[in-house]
């Protein structure tokens, strides 16, 4: 009996060896956890012709100046999963038929293994069906689109929802083709919050700025990326004051309203809003290695064809990056190709996920 009591006493005094092992092992695992970073890359010559046939060994990836091992490589013919995100706010009412026609043209350019999902946004976000490769169903979804009757343009929320919900369980190449005038109104997410999400995401975003609203000036982008307005150089003639036609010996004087903006001031405000919207759309595309395009009624179909062609001319590389310890750990990515006289367009930043 004394022996049993002694054994029980020694057992109580012994340190919890098993418990310590259960605590320390996950800590070791956390320190070595890594995330697969997807890096879409397009390569062209100086004239803009895409270069096909490159192999994994032709590429080198650097994260914060340190070369990384490429653990994943896929050529541009990998099937696509595309969310076609269309602005249906009140400002698009006069152009909706042309937007629908351009969207159908884009659908016809998809391959048989590609899948697409149509989503519209205004004051509400409307997902029209599921991802499908059935082009007839996709065109039916486009035909059902109607312009909103209430003000609101939740661009940021629509992009966020597409990434976090629509693409949640989707594998392979993922892209958003966004058509909008870029002026967000009513989103519950800010532009900076969305940019942070894009830095973590592997979704490409192709943005197409579609001019709406007042203002006759055309916007162009210089080689350095600066957005500016181009006019025809003709000055608008000044209107001569109208003479009062009256048979009476007196006239009635009605003073002009004070404080109302002139037409020129309205156009200038709209122009500045367009420039800021373009900058936002450019940021979304640049952050994800997508492309930005300017468009109008006459160019919209052509632009959608360019987007479809660009999506066909990409490689997808992947490497393992150690996860971050805080939410502000942004890594810089540089992709190099072992060829001379080529232009490489790739994702430039990656926000490492918090442990």
Protein backbone atom coordinates (compact mmCIF):
# COMPACT_ATOMS: atom_id res chain seq x y z
CA UNK A 1 0.00 0.00 0.00
CA UNK A 2 2.85 2.36 0.86
CA UNK A 3 4.42 1.64 -2.56
CA UNK A 4 1.21 2.61 -4.39
CA UNK A 5 0.89 5.86 -2.43
CA UNK A 6 4.56 6.68 -3.21
CA UNK A 7 4.06 6.11 -6.93
CA UNK A 8 1.00 8.36 -6.98
CA UNK A 9 2.94 11.11 -5.18
CA UNK A 10 5.82 10.90 -7.69
CA UNK A 11 3.38 11.06 -10.62
CA UNK A 12 1.92 14.32 -9.33
CA UNK A 13 5.37 15.88 -8.95
CA UNK A 14 6.56 14.93 -12.47
CA UNK A 15 6.46 17.80 -15.09
CA UNK A 16 3.76 17.53 -17.81
CA UNK A 17 6.06 16.31 -20.62
CA UNK A 18 3.25 15.48 -23.03
CA UNK A 19 1.59 18.87 -22.48
CA UNK A 20 4.86 20.72 -23.28
CA UNK A 21 5.24 18.76 -26.52
CA UNK A 22 1.76 19.77 -27.62
CA UNK A 23 2.57 23.47 -27.07
CA UNK A 24 6.00 23.66 -28.68
CA UNK A 25 5.26 21.67 -31.86
CA UNK A 26 2.64 24.08 -33.32
CA UNK A 27 5.01 26.98 -32.59
CA UNK A 28 7.68 25.32 -34.71
CA UNK A 29 5.12 24.72 -37.46
CA UNK A 30 4.05 28.36 -37.44
CA UNK A 31 7.61 29.56 -37.90
CA UNK A 32 8.02 27.51 -41.08
CA UNK A 33 4.60 28.09 -42.67
CA UNK A 34 4.71 29.53 -46.18
CA UNK A 35 2.18 30.80 -48.70
CA UNK A 36 2.14 30.08 -52.43
CA UNK A 37 2.35 33.43 -54.23
CA UNK A 38 0.89 33.48 -57.74
CA UNK A 39 2.57 35.87 -60.18
CA UNK A 40 0.94 36.42 -63.61
CA UNK A 41 3.51 37.50 -66.20
CA UNK A 42 3.30 38.71 -69.79
CA UNK A 43 6.40 39.10 -71.97
CA UNK A 44 6.62 41.09 -75.21
CA UNK A 45 9.25 42.57 -77.49
CA UNK A 46 9.83 46.30 -77.85
CA UNK A 47 7.12 46.53 -80.52
CA UNK A 48 4.49 44.99 -78.23
CA UNK A 49 4.36 41.51 -79.80
CA UNK A 50 3.91 38.82 -77.16
CA UNK A 51 6.59 36.18 -76.81
CA UNK A 52 5.31 32.63 -76.50
CA UNK A 53 7.13 29.38 -75.85
CA UNK A 54 9.05 30.45 -72.77
CA UNK A 55 9.90 27.80 -70.17
CA UNK A 56 10.22 27.81 -66.41
CA UNK A 57 14.01 28.15 -66.60
CA UNK A 58 13.65 31.37 -68.61
CA UNK A 59 12.22 33.17 -65.56
CA UNK A 60 13.74 34.42 -62.32
CA UNK A 61 11.69 35.81 -59.39
CA UNK A 62 13.02 38.05 -56.63
CA UNK A 63 11.17 38.93 -53.42
CA UNK A 64 12.65 41.97 -51.67
CA UNK A 65 15.87 41.39 -53.62
CA UNK A 66 16.20 37.69 -52.75
CA UNK A 67 15.86 35.12 -55.52
CA UNK A 68 13.03 32.62 -54.99
CA UNK A 69 12.56 29.04 -56.13
CA UNK A 70 9.80 28.82 -58.75
CA UNK A 71 7.59 25.97 -57.53
CA UNK A 72 4.73 26.44 -59.99
CA UNK A 73 4.70 27.21 -63.74
CA UNK A 74 1.80 27.30 -66.20
CA UNK A 75 1.63 28.52 -69.79
CA UNK A 76 -0.88 31.01 -71.12
CA UNK A 77 -3.24 28.33 -72.48
CA UNK A 78 -4.38 27.40 -68.97
CA UNK A 79 -8.22 27.74 -68.72
CA UNK A 80 -9.61 31.06 -67.47
CA UNK A 81 -12.16 31.89 -64.79
CA UNK A 82 -13.46 35.39 -65.49
CA UNK A 83 -15.88 37.66 -63.66
CA UNK A 84 -17.27 40.19 -66.14
CA UNK A 85 -18.11 43.11 -63.84
CA UNK A 86 -20.37 45.68 -65.53
CA UNK A 87 -21.39 49.12 -64.28
CA UNK A 88 -25.17 49.54 -64.60
CA UNK A 89 -25.52 52.81 -62.70
CA UNK A 90 -27.78 55.60 -63.95
CA UNK A 91 -24.89 57.26 -65.82
CA UNK A 92 -24.66 54.30 -68.25
CA UNK A 93 -28.29 54.45 -69.39
CA UNK A 94 -27.53 56.01 -72.79
CA UNK A 95 -24.83 53.45 -73.58
CA UNK A 96 -26.21 50.18 -72.21
CA UNK A 97 -26.96 48.64 -75.62
CA UNK A 98 -23.35 49.15 -76.73
CA UNK A 99 -22.06 47.80 -73.41
CA UNK A 100 -24.15 44.65 -73.88
CA UNK A 101 -22.90 44.17 -77.45
CA UNK A 102 -19.28 44.50 -76.33
CA UNK A 103 -19.85 42.06 -73.46
CA UNK A 104 -21.26 39.47 -75.89
CA UNK A 105 -18.24 39.92 -78.16
CA UNK A 106 -15.98 39.23 -75.18
CA UNK A 107 -17.93 36.08 -74.30
CA UNK A 108 -17.51 34.75 -77.84
CA UNK A 109 -13.73 35.11 -77.53
CA UNK A 110 -13.58 32.73 -74.55
CA UNK A 111 -12.35 29.18 -75.14
CA UNK A 112 -14.56 26.16 -74.54
CA UNK A 113 -12.80 25.34 -71.26
CA UNK A 114 -13.01 28.90 -69.93
CA UNK A 115 -15.69 29.83 -67.44
CA UNK A 116 -17.33 33.20 -66.94
CA UNK A 117 -19.65 34.83 -64.43
CA UNK A 118 -21.64 38.01 -65.16
CA UNK A 119 -22.00 40.48 -62.29
CA UNK A 120 -23.49 43.98 -62.40
CA UNK A 121 -23.25 46.78 -59.89
CA UNK A 122 -24.94 50.10 -59.18
CA UNK A 123 -26.51 50.83 -55.78
CA UNK A 124 -26.81 47.03 -55.54
CA UNK A 125 -24.57 44.14 -56.60
CA UNK A 126 -26.25 41.50 -58.75
CA UNK A 127 -24.65 38.13 -59.54
CA UNK A 128 -26.30 36.72 -62.67
CA UNK A 129 -25.98 32.95 -62.40
CA UNK A 130 -22.91 30.80 -61.76
CA UNK A 131 -19.56 30.27 -63.44
CA UNK A 132 -20.24 28.53 -66.73
CA UNK A 133 -18.66 27.84 -70.10
CA UNK A 134 -22.09 27.88 -71.79
CA UNK A 135 -21.93 31.00 -73.94
CA UNK A 136 -25.67 31.00 -74.68
CA UNK A 137 -26.46 31.20 -70.96
CA UNK A 138 -23.90 33.97 -70.51
CA UNK A 139 -25.42 35.98 -73.36
CA UNK A 140 -28.89 35.49 -71.88
CA UNK A 141 -27.55 36.93 -68.63
CA UNK A 142 -26.20 39.94 -70.52
CA UNK A 143 -29.55 40.45 -72.27
CA UNK A 144 -31.30 40.55 -68.89
CA UNK A 145 -29.20 43.49 -67.66
CA UNK A 146 -31.06 46.72 -66.97
CA UNK A 147 -29.83 50.16 -66.00
CA UNK A 148 -30.50 51.20 -62.42
CA UNK A 149 -33.08 53.80 -61.51
CA UNK A 150 -31.48 54.77 -58.17
CA UNK A 151 -28.16 56.54 -57.73
CA UNK A 152 -25.18 54.58 -56.48
CA UNK A 153 -22.06 52.92 -57.89
CA UNK A 154 -20.53 50.38 -55.51
CA UNK A 155 -17.38 49.63 -57.49
CA UNK A 156 -15.08 48.86 -54.56
CA UNK A 157 -17.64 46.60 -52.88
CA UNK A 158 -18.32 44.76 -56.16
CA UNK A 159 -14.62 44.00 -56.67
CA UNK A 160 -14.21 42.93 -53.04
CA UNK A 161 -17.22 40.63 -53.22
CA UNK A 162 -16.01 39.06 -56.47
CA UNK A 163 -12.64 38.22 -54.91
CA UNK A 164 -13.85 37.03 -51.53
CA UNK A 165 -17.06 35.24 -52.56
CA UNK A 166 -17.28 34.54 -56.30
CA UNK A 167 -13.70 33.24 -56.53
CA UNK A 168 -13.67 31.63 -53.07
CA UNK A 169 -13.55 27.97 -54.21
CA UNK A 170 -12.25 28.54 -57.75
CA UNK A 171 -8.89 27.05 -58.78
CA UNK A 172 -6.67 28.11 -61.69
CA UNK A 173 -6.35 31.44 -63.45
CA UNK A 174 -8.72 34.09 -62.13
CA UNK A 175 -9.46 37.49 -63.65
CA UNK A 176 -11.92 40.35 -63.30
CA UNK A 177 -12.80 42.45 -66.34
CA UNK A 178 -14.26 45.67 -64.93
CA UNK A 179 -16.12 48.20 -67.08
CA UNK A 180 -17.01 51.46 -65.31
CA UNK A 181 -16.58 55.22 -65.18
CA UNK A 182 -14.61 54.58 -61.99
CA UNK A 183 -16.56 56.88 -59.67
CA UNK A 184 -17.44 54.92 -56.56
CA UNK A 185 -20.51 55.93 -54.57
CA UNK A 186 -21.89 53.98 -51.63
CA UNK A 187 -19.33 51.21 -51.03
CA UNK A 188 -18.77 49.99 -47.50
CA UNK A 189 -15.10 49.39 -48.30
CA UNK A 190 -12.54 52.15 -48.99
CA UNK A 191 -10.11 52.25 -51.88
CA UNK A 192 -7.12 51.64 -49.58
CA UNK A 193 -8.82 48.64 -47.98
CA UNK A 194 -9.48 47.23 -51.43
CA UNK A 195 -5.87 47.79 -52.52
CA UNK A 196 -4.68 45.89 -49.44
CA UNK A 197 -6.93 43.00 -50.43
CA UNK A 198 -5.63 43.07 -54.02
CA UNK A 199 -2.05 42.83 -52.75
CA UNK A 200 -2.99 39.53 -51.05
CA UNK A 201 -5.04 38.21 -53.96
CA UNK A 202 -3.99 36.29 -57.07
CA UNK A 203 -6.86 37.70 -59.15
CA UNK A 204 -5.95 39.77 -62.22
CA UNK A 205 -8.00 42.92 -62.78
CA UNK A 206 -8.46 44.42 -66.23
CA UNK A 207 -10.14 47.82 -65.94
CA UNK A 208 -11.88 49.66 -68.76
CA UNK A 209 -12.71 53.30 -68.10
CA UNK A 210 -15.92 54.26 -69.86
CA UNK A 211 -16.59 57.99 -70.18
CA UNK A 212 -19.95 59.17 -68.82
CA UNK A 213 -21.38 62.44 -67.60
CA UNK A 214 -20.74 66.03 -68.66
CA UNK A 215 -17.69 67.32 -70.45
CA UNK A 216 -16.66 67.16 -74.08
CA UNK A 217 -12.89 67.00 -73.53
CA UNK A 218 -11.19 63.73 -74.39
CA UNK A 219 -8.76 62.18 -71.92
CA UNK A 220 -5.47 60.61 -72.97
CA UNK A 221 -2.59 59.01 -71.08
CA UNK A 222 0.99 60.12 -71.72
CA UNK A 223 3.89 57.69 -71.90
CA UNK A 224 4.73 58.47 -68.26
CA UNK A 225 1.18 57.58 -67.17
CA UNK A 226 -0.07 61.14 -66.71
CA UNK A 227 -3.75 61.65 -67.54
CA UNK A 228 -4.66 64.88 -69.32
CA UNK A 229 -7.47 66.40 -71.34
CA UNK A 230 -7.21 67.09 -75.05
CA UNK A 231 -9.33 69.76 -76.70
CA UNK A 232 -9.84 70.56 -80.35
CA UNK A 233 -8.11 73.91 -79.89
CA UNK A 234 -11.19 75.90 -80.85
CA UNK A 235 -12.40 78.51 -78.46
CA UNK A 236 -16.08 78.67 -77.81
CA UNK A 237 -17.57 81.94 -79.10
CA UNK A 238 -18.84 84.28 -76.49
CA UNK A 239 -22.55 84.66 -76.49
CA UNK A 240 -23.79 88.17 -77.18
CA UNK A 241 -26.36 89.49 -74.73
CA UNK A 242 -29.87 89.37 -76.12
CA UNK A 243 -31.70 92.62 -76.62
CA UNK A 244 -35.11 92.97 -75.08
CA UNK A 245 -37.73 93.17 -77.76
CA UNK A 246 -40.59 95.25 -76.48
CA UNK A 247 -42.95 97.87 -77.83
CA UNK A 248 -43.24 99.41 -74.41
CA UNK A 249 -41.19 102.38 -73.27
CA UNK A 250 -39.78 100.43 -70.36
CA UNK A 251 -38.04 97.10 -69.75
CA UNK A 252 -38.02 94.66 -66.86
CA UNK A 253 -34.65 93.86 -65.28
CA UNK A 254 -34.27 90.35 -63.80
CA UNK A 255 -30.93 89.88 -61.99
CA UNK A 256 -28.91 86.74 -62.72
CA UNK A 257 -28.73 84.06 -60.05
CA UNK A 258 -25.57 84.30 -57.99
CA UNK A 259 -23.39 81.30 -57.13
CA UNK A 260 -24.50 78.89 -59.86
CA UNK A 261 -21.60 77.18 -61.69
CA UNK A 262 -21.10 77.85 -65.37
CA UNK A 263 -21.07 75.09 -67.97
CA UNK A 264 -17.28 75.38 -68.17
CA UNK A 265 -17.00 74.93 -64.40
CA UNK A 266 -19.27 71.88 -64.50
CA UNK A 267 -17.14 70.31 -67.22
CA UNK A 268 -13.94 71.04 -65.29
CA UNK A 269 -15.29 69.37 -62.14
CA UNK A 270 -16.38 66.36 -64.18
CA UNK A 271 -13.00 66.22 -65.89
CA UNK A 272 -11.14 66.22 -62.56
CA UNK A 273 -13.45 63.49 -61.27
CA UNK A 274 -12.69 61.42 -64.38
CA UNK A 275 -8.94 61.84 -63.85
CA UNK A 276 -9.19 60.68 -60.22
CA UNK A 277 -11.36 57.74 -61.28
CA UNK A 278 -8.83 56.74 -63.94
CA UNK A 279 -6.02 56.82 -61.37
CA UNK A 280 -8.00 54.46 -59.11
CA UNK A 281 -8.69 52.00 -61.92
CA UNK A 282 -5.03 52.12 -62.94
CA UNK A 283 -4.00 51.28 -59.37
CA UNK A 284 -6.28 48.23 -59.32
CA UNK A 285 -4.78 46.92 -62.56
CA UNK A 286 -1.17 47.73 -61.71
CA UNK A 287 -1.42 46.07 -58.29
CA UNK A 288 -2.64 42.79 -59.82
CA UNK A 289 -0.57 42.81 -63.04
CA UNK A 290 -3.62 43.50 -65.14
CA UNK A 291 -4.13 46.25 -67.73
CA UNK A 292 -6.00 49.54 -67.90
CA UNK A 293 -7.82 50.82 -70.99
CA UNK A 294 -9.61 54.03 -71.96
CA UNK A 295 -12.72 53.58 -74.06
CA UNK A 296 -15.82 55.16 -75.55
CA UNK A 297 -18.73 53.97 -77.68
CA UNK A 298 -16.65 53.51 -80.81
CA UNK A 299 -13.77 51.65 -79.14
CA UNK A 300 -15.49 49.45 -76.58
CA UNK A 301 -15.69 46.28 -78.70
CA UNK A 302 -12.07 46.73 -79.79
CA UNK A 303 -10.93 47.14 -76.18
CA UNK A 304 -12.73 43.98 -75.05
CA UNK A 305 -10.98 42.06 -77.82
CA UNK A 306 -7.63 43.40 -76.60
CA UNK A 307 -8.43 42.24 -73.06
CA UNK A 308 -9.34 38.74 -74.28
CA UNK A 309 -6.12 38.60 -76.29
CA UNK A 310 -4.01 39.76 -73.35
CA UNK A 311 -5.46 37.05 -71.12
CA UNK A 312 -4.34 34.48 -73.71
CA UNK A 313 -0.73 35.69 -73.66
CA UNK A 314 0.30 35.14 -70.06
CA UNK A 315 2.36 32.81 -67.94
CA UNK A 316 1.65 32.07 -64.30
CA UNK A 317 4.54 31.54 -61.91
CA UNK A 318 4.42 30.60 -58.25
CA UNK A 319 6.82 30.57 -55.32
CA UNK A 320 6.62 29.98 -51.57
CA UNK A 321 6.79 33.09 -49.37
CA UNK A 322 7.05 33.03 -45.61
CA UNK A 323 3.92 34.37 -43.95
CA UNK A 324 3.96 37.69 -42.15
CA UNK A 325 3.74 38.62 -38.52
CA UNK A 326 1.71 41.79 -39.10
CA UNK A 327 -0.80 43.26 -41.53
CA UNK A 328 1.64 45.77 -43.08
CA UNK A 329 4.22 43.31 -44.39
CA UNK A 330 4.28 44.14 -48.11
CA UNK A 331 6.89 42.37 -50.25
CA UNK A 332 8.28 43.74 -53.51
CA UNK A 333 8.38 41.33 -56.45
CA UNK A 334 10.61 41.56 -59.52
CA UNK A 335 10.40 39.10 -62.42
CA UNK A 336 13.24 38.83 -64.92
CA UNK A 337 13.45 36.93 -68.20
CA UNK A 338 16.73 35.52 -69.50
CA UNK A 339 16.37 37.24 -72.85
CA UNK A 340 17.50 40.60 -74.16
CA UNK A 341 15.25 43.35 -75.53
CA UNK A 342 12.03 42.14 -73.90
CA UNK A 343 9.40 43.93 -71.82
CA UNK A 344 8.18 42.08 -68.73
CA UNK A 345 4.85 43.00 -67.16
CA UNK A 346 4.27 41.30 -63.80
CA UNK A 347 2.82 41.75 -60.36
CA UNK A 348 5.00 44.16 -58.40
CA UNK A 349 3.81 43.74 -54.82
CA UNK A 350 2.48 41.09 -52.50
CA UNK A 351 0.97 41.58 -49.06
CA UNK A 352 1.99 38.58 -46.96
CA UNK A 353 -0.86 37.14 -44.91
CA UNK A 354 -0.72 37.49 -41.15
CA UNK A 355 0.21 34.41 -39.13
